[in-house]
Amino acid sequence: MPKPRFSVVIPTRERAKYLDYAIRSCLAQSFGDLEIIVADNCSSASTRETVERHPDQRIRYLRSDQSLAMSANWERGLQAATGEYVTVLGDDDALLLHALADADSLLRSTHSEALRWTCAHYRWPDVAPELAPNLFLIPTSSEACGRAPRRSFATSPMGSGTTMSSRLSTTPSFTATLFRPSGHGQGKYWRV
């Protein structure tokens, strides 16, 4: 089987409810040359059942039989990645539908080894009321993306009843990065 362009690693532990959305966002990508690695950190059966509801050959499910440190579970998922570029997606996060198509275009045009982006932020409906549930934050500044935004939403993709806002977040994040691994399987990405 040829090496995929992208590996999306989704580390998870006991969050099957959110994991379902993360997987669905990967499968809905307009760019399909990817693998999805779900690195399950000793979760209950509901996590496996969530993954199995998506019968797609691009998904690989890796379950640890013992509880691991979070970094060890991430490392396990990253080591299993075979894609030319790798990213980590939180189990409560999602990719916008055009994310990998845009990333592929930018990587091809710039010949970069890595790509970092500014995240849109969503707060799930079940967070505490003081944390503003259903808040969807989209960076709109051209400074945030290095160019004018290509997509904007009049309403939230999460559905009605969602509050919209445009705040800029420039905090670096490992999970908002695609990188070309050097020496796949040649050591650890970080110490555990």
Protein backbone atom coordinates (compact mmCIF):
# COMPACT_ATOMS: atom_id res chain seq x y z
CA MET A 1 0.00 0.00 0.00
CA PRO A 2 1.50 3.38 -0.98
CA LYS A 3 2.44 5.84 1.73
CA PRO A 4 -0.36 8.37 2.36
CA ARG A 5 0.27 12.10 2.01
CA PHE A 6 -1.03 12.79 5.53
CA SER A 7 -1.27 10.90 8.82
CA VAL A 8 -3.77 12.26 11.33
CA VAL A 9 -3.03 10.87 14.78
CA ILE A 10 -5.91 11.07 17.27
CA PRO A 11 -4.82 10.19 20.82
CA THR A 12 -7.82 9.40 23.03
CA ARG A 13 -8.87 8.20 26.45
CA GLU A 14 -12.50 7.70 27.47
CA ARG A 15 -13.94 10.40 25.20
CA ALA A 16 -15.81 8.35 22.61
CA LYS A 17 -18.56 10.96 22.35
CA TYR A 18 -16.12 13.58 21.05
CA LEU A 19 -13.91 11.12 19.17
CA ASP A 20 -16.79 10.37 16.81
CA TYR A 21 -16.79 14.00 15.60
CA ALA A 22 -12.99 14.04 15.22
CA ILE A 23 -13.09 10.91 13.05
CA ARG A 24 -16.01 12.22 10.99
CA SER A 25 -14.15 15.48 10.30
CA CYS A 26 -11.17 13.49 8.96
CA LEU A 27 -13.31 11.25 6.78
CA ALA A 28 -15.15 14.28 5.36
CA GLN A 29 -11.95 15.92 4.07
CA SER A 30 -12.05 17.07 0.46
CA PHE A 31 -8.48 15.66 0.22
CA GLY A 32 -8.66 11.91 0.76
CA ASP A 33 -5.01 10.78 0.69
CA LEU A 34 -4.71 10.25 4.44
CA GLU A 35 -4.58 7.71 7.19
CA ILE A 36 -6.26 8.17 10.56
CA ILE A 37 -4.59 6.59 13.56
CA VAL A 38 -6.69 6.39 16.71
CA ALA A 39 -4.31 5.82 19.64
CA ASP A 40 -6.60 4.56 22.40
CA ASN A 41 -5.09 4.85 25.88
CA CYS A 42 -6.78 1.87 27.58
CA SER A 43 -10.36 3.15 27.20
CA SER A 44 -13.56 1.21 27.72
CA ALA A 45 -15.27 -0.66 24.89
CA SER A 46 -17.20 2.46 23.81
CA THR A 47 -14.06 3.87 22.16
CA ARG A 48 -13.56 0.78 20.00
CA GLU A 49 -17.28 0.78 19.16
CA THR A 50 -17.04 4.42 18.07
CA VAL A 51 -14.13 3.63 15.74
CA GLU A 52 -15.89 0.55 14.35
CA ARG A 53 -18.92 2.68 13.37
CA HIS A 54 -16.64 4.11 10.68
CA PRO A 55 -15.70 1.16 8.44
CA ASP A 56 -13.00 2.88 6.42
CA GLN A 57 -9.66 1.29 5.47
CA ARG A 58 -7.87 4.57 6.17
CA ILE A 59 -8.54 4.18 9.92
CA ARG A 60 -6.14 2.23 12.13
CA TYR A 61 -7.12 1.57 15.72
CA LEU A 62 -4.32 1.06 18.27
CA ARG A 63 -5.41 0.22 21.81
CA SER A 64 -3.09 -0.01 24.78
CA ASP A 65 -4.03 -2.70 27.28
CA GLN A 66 -2.55 -0.65 30.11
CA SER A 67 -2.95 2.99 31.03
CA LEU A 68 -0.08 5.10 29.66
CA ALA A 69 1.17 8.59 30.34
CA MET A 70 -0.41 10.98 27.84
CA SER A 71 2.95 11.59 26.15
CA ALA A 72 3.55 7.83 25.80
CA ASN A 73 0.18 7.38 24.09
CA TRP A 74 0.91 10.26 21.71
CA GLU A 75 4.33 8.78 20.99
CA ARG A 76 2.75 5.42 20.20
CA GLY A 77 0.39 7.03 17.70
CA LEU A 78 3.15 9.09 16.10
CA GLN A 79 5.40 6.05 15.74
CA ALA A 80 2.61 4.23 13.88
CA ALA A 81 2.17 7.08 11.39
CA THR A 82 3.35 6.33 7.84
CA GLY A 83 2.27 9.54 6.10
CA GLU A 84 4.62 11.94 4.38
CA TYR A 85 3.33 14.62 6.80
CA VAL A 86 1.91 14.03 10.26
CA THR A 87 -0.44 16.00 12.50
CA VAL A 88 -2.02 15.33 15.88
CA LEU A 89 -5.73 16.01 16.28
CA GLY A 90 -7.22 16.16 19.76
CA ASP A 91 -10.04 13.69 20.30
CA ASP A 92 -12.34 16.63 21.04
CA ASP A 93 -11.19 18.62 18.00
CA ALA A 94 -12.02 18.54 14.29
CA LEU A 95 -10.54 19.50 10.94
CA LEU A 96 -12.43 21.96 8.76
CA LEU A 97 -13.47 20.28 5.50
CA HIS A 98 -10.81 22.01 3.40
CA ALA A 99 -7.93 21.72 5.89
CA LEU A 100 -5.87 19.00 4.21
CA ALA A 101 -6.56 20.23 0.66
CA ASP A 102 -5.32 23.69 1.63
CA ALA A 103 -2.36 22.19 3.49
CA ASP A 104 -1.40 20.06 0.49
CA SER A 105 -1.54 23.08 -1.80
CA LEU A 106 0.62 25.19 0.54
CA LEU A 107 3.14 22.41 1.12
CA ARG A 108 3.50 21.77 -2.62
CA SER A 109 3.91 25.47 -3.44
CA THR A 110 6.39 26.21 -0.64
CA HIS A 111 8.24 22.87 -0.39
CA SER A 112 8.09 23.28 3.39
CA GLU A 113 8.98 20.66 5.95
CA ALA A 114 6.29 21.94 8.33
CA LEU A 115 3.14 24.02 8.32
CA ARG A 116 1.51 25.73 11.28
CA TRP A 117 -1.92 27.33 11.34
CA THR A 118 -4.13 29.36 13.60
CA CYS A 119 -6.98 27.31 14.99
CA ALA A 120 -10.65 28.01 15.02
CA HIS A 121 -12.03 27.22 18.48
CA TYR A 122 -15.29 25.60 19.48
CA ARG A 123 -16.67 25.01 22.95
CA TRP A 124 -18.86 21.93 23.27
CA PRO A 125 -22.47 22.36 24.43
CA ASP A 126 -21.82 20.40 27.63
CA VAL A 127 -19.15 22.71 29.10
CA ALA A 128 -20.01 24.72 32.19
CA PRO A 129 -22.27 27.71 31.44
CA GLU A 130 -19.62 30.20 32.64
CA LEU A 131 -17.31 28.91 29.87
CA ALA A 132 -19.78 29.93 27.13
CA PRO A 133 -21.00 26.65 25.60
CA ASN A 134 -21.43 26.52 21.81
CA LEU A 135 -18.97 29.37 21.27
CA PHE A 136 -17.26 29.12 17.87
CA LEU A 137 -14.22 31.40 17.40
CA ILE A 138 -12.81 31.90 13.91
CA PRO A 139 -9.59 33.87 13.31
CA THR A 140 -10.35 36.46 10.65
CA SER A 141 -7.16 38.51 10.49
CA SER A 142 -4.97 38.09 7.42
CA GLU A 143 -2.04 38.24 9.86
CA ALA A 144 -3.32 35.07 11.51
CA CYS A 145 -3.04 33.01 8.35
CA GLY A 146 -0.39 34.88 6.41
CA ARG A 147 -3.06 35.61 3.80
CA ALA A 148 -6.69 36.58 3.65
CA PRO A 149 -9.05 33.89 4.93
CA ARG A 150 -10.37 31.58 2.21
CA ARG A 151 -13.51 30.53 4.07
CA SER A 152 -15.90 32.33 6.37
CA PHE A 153 -19.12 31.22 8.01
CA ALA A 154 -22.33 33.20 8.33
CA THR A 155 -23.51 30.55 10.78
CA SER A 156 -21.64 27.98 12.76
CA PRO A 157 -20.97 24.60 11.12
CA MET A 158 -21.92 23.18 14.54
CA GLY A 159 -25.57 24.16 14.10
CA SER A 160 -28.03 26.74 15.28
CA GLY A 161 -27.82 28.26 18.72
CA THR A 162 -24.07 28.75 18.44
CA THR A 163 -22.52 32.12 19.26
CA MET A 164 -20.08 33.47 16.68
CA SER A 165 -17.06 35.63 17.41
CA SER A 166 -13.79 36.58 15.76
CA ARG A 167 -10.92 36.54 18.23
CA LEU A 168 -7.33 36.02 17.23
CA SER A 169 -5.30 33.30 18.90
CA THR A 170 -1.62 33.12 18.05
CA THR A 171 -0.47 30.66 20.69
CA PRO A 172 1.76 28.00 19.11
CA SER A 173 0.30 24.52 19.28
CA PHE A 174 1.72 21.14 18.35
CA THR A 175 -1.77 20.06 17.36
CA ALA A 176 -2.07 22.88 14.82
CA THR A 177 0.97 21.72 12.88
CA LEU A 178 1.78 19.37 10.03
CA PHE A 179 5.38 18.22 9.91
CA ARG A 180 7.52 15.91 7.84
CA PRO A 181 9.05 13.44 10.30
CA SER A 182 12.77 12.90 10.01
CA GLY A 183 13.72 9.27 10.36
CA HIS A 184 10.30 7.66 10.87
CA GLY A 185 10.64 5.04 13.56
CA GLN A 186 14.21 6.12 14.30
CA GLY A 187 13.52 7.28 17.85
CA LYS A 188 11.10 9.25 19.87
CA TYR A 189 9.40 12.50 19.01
CA TRP A 190 9.78 13.57 22.65
CA ARG A 191 10.93 12.00 25.91
CA VAL A 192 8.38 9.98 27.89
